[in-house]
Amino acid sequence: MWFVILLVIVGVCALAYVNRVALLAKVLGQSETRINRQLKRRGR
């Protein structure tokens, strides 16, 4: 049972990482392009 819960948590984290720009834009109330620029700037 713990294995299934762990798999679900990992799956949710993976989906959140893939959609991080859209999620951050909704949470912060800013445009996706602005969030994307900020994330790319930090990645240098």
PDB file of N, CA and C in Angstrom:
ATOM      1  N   MET A   1       0.818  -1.197   0.000  1.00  0.00           N
ATOM      2  CA  MET A   1       0.000   0.000   0.000  1.00  0.00           C
ATOM      3  C   MET A   1       0.867   1.269   0.000  1.00  0.00           C
ATOM      4  N   TRP A   2       1.957   1.249   0.775  1.00  0.00           N
ATOM      5  CA  TRP A   2       2.839   2.402   0.804  1.00  0.00           C
ATOM      6  C   TRP A   2       3.475   2.660  -0.553  1.00  0.00           C
ATOM      7  N   PHE A   3       3.726   1.577  -1.283  1.00  0.00           N
ATOM      8  CA  PHE A   3       4.337   1.705  -2.603  1.00  0.00           C
ATOM      9  C   PHE A   3       3.412   2.457  -3.558  1.00  0.00           C
ATOM     10  N   VAL A   4       2.122   2.159  -3.494  1.00  0.00           N
ATOM     11  CA  VAL A   4       1.147   2.828  -4.359  1.00  0.00           C
ATOM     12  C   VAL A   4       1.067   4.315  -4.009  1.00  0.00           C
ATOM     13  N   ILE A   5       1.043   4.627  -2.734  1.00  0.00           N
ATOM     14  CA  ILE A   5       0.996   6.033  -2.309  1.00  0.00           C
ATOM     15  C   ILE A   5       2.252   6.767  -2.765  1.00  0.00           C
ATOM     16  N   LEU A   6       3.389   6.111  -2.649  1.00  0.00           N
ATOM     17  CA  LEU A   6       4.647   6.712  -3.097  1.00  0.00           C
ATOM     18  C   LEU A   6       4.631   6.965  -4.604  1.00  0.00           C
ATOM     19  N   LEU A   7       4.106   6.021  -5.367  1.00  0.00           N
ATOM     20  CA  LEU A   7       4.006   6.203  -6.818  1.00  0.00           C
ATOM     21  C   LEU A   7       3.092   7.371  -7.168  1.00  0.00           C
ATOM     22  N   VAL A   8       1.993   7.514  -6.456  1.00  0.00           N
ATOM     23  CA  VAL A   8       1.072   8.625  -6.709  1.00  0.00           C
ATOM     24  C   VAL A   8       1.754   9.958  -6.401  1.00  0.00           C
ATOM     25  N   ILE A   9       2.482  10.019  -5.300  1.00  0.00           N
ATOM     26  CA  ILE A   9       3.187  11.257  -4.941  1.00  0.00           C
ATOM     27  C   ILE A   9       4.235  11.609  -5.990  1.00  0.00           C
ATOM     28  N   VAL A  10       4.986  10.626  -6.445  1.00  0.00           N
ATOM     29  CA  VAL A  10       5.999  10.863  -7.482  1.00  0.00           C
ATOM     30  C   VAL A  10       5.333  11.320  -8.780  1.00  0.00           C
ATOM     31  N   GLY A  11       4.209  10.713  -9.130  1.00  0.00           N
ATOM     32  CA  GLY A  11       3.483  11.106 -10.340  1.00  0.00           C
ATOM     33  C   GLY A  11       2.982  12.536 -10.271  1.00  0.00           C
ATOM     34  N   VAL A  12       2.436  12.921  -9.127  1.00  0.00           N
ATOM     35  CA  VAL A  12       1.946  14.292  -8.959  1.00  0.00           C
ATOM     36  C   VAL A  12       3.101  15.285  -9.037  1.00  0.00           C
ATOM     37  N   CYS A  13       4.225  14.941  -8.431  1.00  0.00           N
ATOM     38  CA  CYS A  13       5.396  15.823  -8.495  1.00  0.00           C
ATOM     39  C   CYS A  13       5.904  15.966  -9.928  1.00  0.00           C
ATOM     40  N   ALA A  14       5.898  14.878 -10.678  1.00  0.00           N
ATOM     41  CA  ALA A  14       6.345  14.931 -12.072  1.00  0.00           C
ATOM     42  C   ALA A  14       5.417  15.815 -12.901  1.00  0.00           C
ATOM     43  N   LEU A  15       4.112  15.686 -12.698  1.00  0.00           N
ATOM     44  CA  LEU A  15       3.162  16.530 -13.431  1.00  0.00           C
ATOM     45  C   LEU A  15       3.316  18.000 -13.049  1.00  0.00           C
ATOM     46  N   ALA A  16       3.535  18.262 -11.780  1.00  0.00           N
ATOM     47  CA  ALA A  16       3.722  19.644 -11.337  1.00  0.00           C
ATOM     48  C   ALA A  16       4.990  20.237 -11.950  1.00  0.00           C
ATOM     49  N   TYR A  17       6.046  19.429 -12.081  1.00  0.00           N
ATOM     50  CA  TYR A  17       7.288  19.925 -12.671  1.00  0.00           C
ATOM     51  C   TYR A  17       7.106  20.218 -14.160  1.00  0.00           C
ATOM     52  N   VAL A  18       6.386  19.340 -14.846  1.00  0.00           N
ATOM     53  CA  VAL A  18       6.162  19.544 -16.280  1.00  0.00           C
ATOM     54  C   VAL A  18       5.327  20.802 -16.511  1.00  0.00           C
ATOM     55  N   ASN A  19       4.337  21.032 -15.662  1.00  0.00           N
ATOM     56  CA  ASN A  19       3.439  22.180 -15.828  1.00  0.00           C
ATOM     57  C   ASN A  19       3.780  23.322 -14.878  1.00  0.00           C
ATOM     58  N   ARG A  20       5.043  23.457 -14.497  1.00  0.00           N
ATOM     59  CA  ARG A  20       5.413  24.433 -13.474  1.00  0.00           C
ATOM     60  C   ARG A  20       5.158  25.866 -13.911  1.00  0.00           C
ATOM     61  N   VAL A  21       5.311  26.174 -15.183  1.00  0.00           N
ATOM     62  CA  VAL A  21       5.112  27.553 -15.634  1.00  0.00           C
ATOM     63  C   VAL A  21       3.648  27.943 -15.481  1.00  0.00           C
ATOM     64  N   ALA A  22       2.746  27.077 -15.929  1.00  0.00           N
ATOM     65  CA  ALA A  22       1.318  27.378 -15.821  1.00  0.00           C
ATOM     66  C   ALA A  22       0.875  27.439 -14.362  1.00  0.00           C
ATOM     67  N   LEU A  23       1.374  26.528 -13.544  1.00  0.00           N
ATOM     68  CA  LEU A  23       1.000  26.523 -12.128  1.00  0.00           C
ATOM     69  C   LEU A  23       1.502  27.774 -11.416  1.00  0.00           C
ATOM     70  N   LEU A  24       2.752  28.139 -11.656  1.00  0.00           N
ATOM     71  CA  LEU A  24       3.296  29.343 -11.023  1.00  0.00           C
ATOM     72  C   LEU A  24       2.562  30.596 -11.488  1.00  0.00           C
ATOM     73  N   ALA A  25       2.190  30.641 -12.763  1.00  0.00           N
ATOM     74  CA  ALA A  25       1.466  31.799 -13.280  1.00  0.00           C
ATOM     75  C   ALA A  25       0.119  31.944 -12.579  1.00  0.00           C
ATOM     76  N   LYS A  26      -0.569  30.838 -12.355  1.00  0.00           N
ATOM     77  CA  LYS A  26      -1.863  30.910 -11.667  1.00  0.00           C
ATOM     78  C   LYS A  26      -1.691  31.304 -10.211  1.00  0.00           C
ATOM     79  N   VAL A  27      -0.712  30.719  -9.538  1.00  0.00           N
ATOM     80  CA  VAL A  27      -0.521  30.999  -8.112  1.00  0.00           C
ATOM     81  C   VAL A  27      -0.077  32.442  -7.892  1.00  0.00           C
ATOM     82  N   LEU A  28       0.857  32.911  -8.716  1.00  0.00           N
ATOM     83  CA  LEU A  28       1.409  34.249  -8.530  1.00  0.00           C
ATOM     84  C   LEU A  28       0.587  35.336  -9.207  1.00  0.00           C
ATOM     85  N   GLY A  29      -0.320  34.955 -10.100  1.00  0.00           N
ATOM     86  CA  GLY A  29      -1.152  35.936 -10.783  1.00  0.00           C
ATOM     87  C   GLY A  29      -0.409  36.726 -11.840  1.00  0.00           C
ATOM     88  N   GLN A  30       0.638  36.144 -12.404  1.00  0.00           N
ATOM     89  CA  GLN A  30       1.401  36.813 -13.454  1.00  0.00           C
ATOM     90  C   GLN A  30       1.292  36.015 -14.748  1.00  0.00           C
ATOM     91  N   SER A  31       1.734  36.617 -15.842  1.00  0.00           N
ATOM     92  CA  SER A  31       1.632  35.945 -17.130  1.00  0.00           C
ATOM     93  C   SER A  31       2.658  34.817 -17.241  1.00  0.00           C
ATOM     94  N   GLU A  32       2.317  33.835 -18.072  1.00  0.00           N
ATOM     95  CA  GLU A  32       3.210  32.689 -18.256  1.00  0.00           C
ATOM     96  C   GLU A  32       4.525  33.103 -18.901  1.00  0.00           C
ATOM     97  N   THR A  33       4.488  34.093 -19.781  1.00  0.00           N
ATOM     98  CA  THR A  33       5.727  34.521 -20.436  1.00  0.00           C
ATOM     99  C   THR A  33       6.697  35.134 -19.428  1.00  0.00           C
ATOM    100  N   ARG A  34       6.152  35.895 -18.484  1.00  0.00           N
ATOM    101  CA  ARG A  34       7.019  36.504 -17.459  1.00  0.00           C
ATOM    102  C   ARG A  34       7.644  35.436 -16.571  1.00  0.00           C
ATOM    103  N   ILE A  35       6.846  34.454 -16.165  1.00  0.00           N
ATOM    104  CA  ILE A  35       7.356  33.358 -15.333  1.00  0.00           C
ATOM    105  C   ILE A  35       8.432  32.590 -16.102  1.00  0.00           C
ATOM    106  N   ASN A  36       8.164  32.326 -17.376  1.00  0.00           N
ATOM    107  CA  ASN A  36       9.106  31.569 -18.201  1.00  0.00           C
ATOM    108  C   ASN A  36      10.434  32.311 -18.328  1.00  0.00           C
ATOM    109  N   ARG A  37      10.376  33.621 -18.513  1.00  0.00           N
ATOM    110  CA  ARG A  37      11.613  34.413 -18.594  1.00  0.00           C
ATOM    111  C   ARG A  37      12.401  34.332 -17.298  1.00  0.00           C
ATOM    112  N   GLN A  38      11.705  34.438 -16.173  1.00  0.00           N
ATOM    113  CA  GLN A  38      12.391  34.387 -14.877  1.00  0.00           C
ATOM    114  C   GLN A  38      13.051  33.029 -14.652  1.00  0.00           C
ATOM    115  N   LEU A  39      12.352  31.954 -15.016  1.00  0.00           N
ATOM    116  CA  LEU A  39      12.920  30.615 -14.835  1.00  0.00           C
ATOM    117  C   LEU A  39      14.134  30.407 -15.731  1.00  0.00           C
ATOM    118  N   LYS A  40      14.082  30.909 -16.953  1.00  0.00           N
ATOM    119  CA  LYS A  40      15.219  30.752 -17.864  1.00  0.00           C
ATOM    120  C   LYS A  40      16.404  31.591 -17.407  1.00  0.00           C
ATOM    121  N   ARG A  41      16.133  32.755 -16.832  1.00  0.00           N
ATOM    122  CA  ARG A  41      17.219  33.611 -16.353  1.00  0.00           C
ATOM    123  C   ARG A  41      17.959  32.932 -15.202  1.00  0.00           C
ATOM    124  N   ARG A  42      17.231  32.273 -14.305  1.00  0.00           N
ATOM    125  CA  ARG A  42      17.867  31.595 -13.175  1.00  0.00           C
ATOM    126  C   ARG A  42      18.636  30.360 -13.623  1.00  0.00           C
ATOM    127  N   GLY A  43      18.311  29.819 -14.791  1.00  0.00           N
ATOM    128  CA  GLY A  43      18.945  28.597 -15.253  1.00  0.00           C
ATOM    129  C   GLY A  43      20.319  28.784 -15.861  1.00  0.00           C
ATOM    130  N   ARG A  44      20.776  30.021 -15.968  1.00  0.00           N
ATOM    131  CA  ARG A  44      22.079  30.273 -16.599  1.00  0.00           C
ATOM    132  C   ARG A  44      23.220  29.735 -15.798  1.00  0.00           C
TER     133      ARG A  44
END
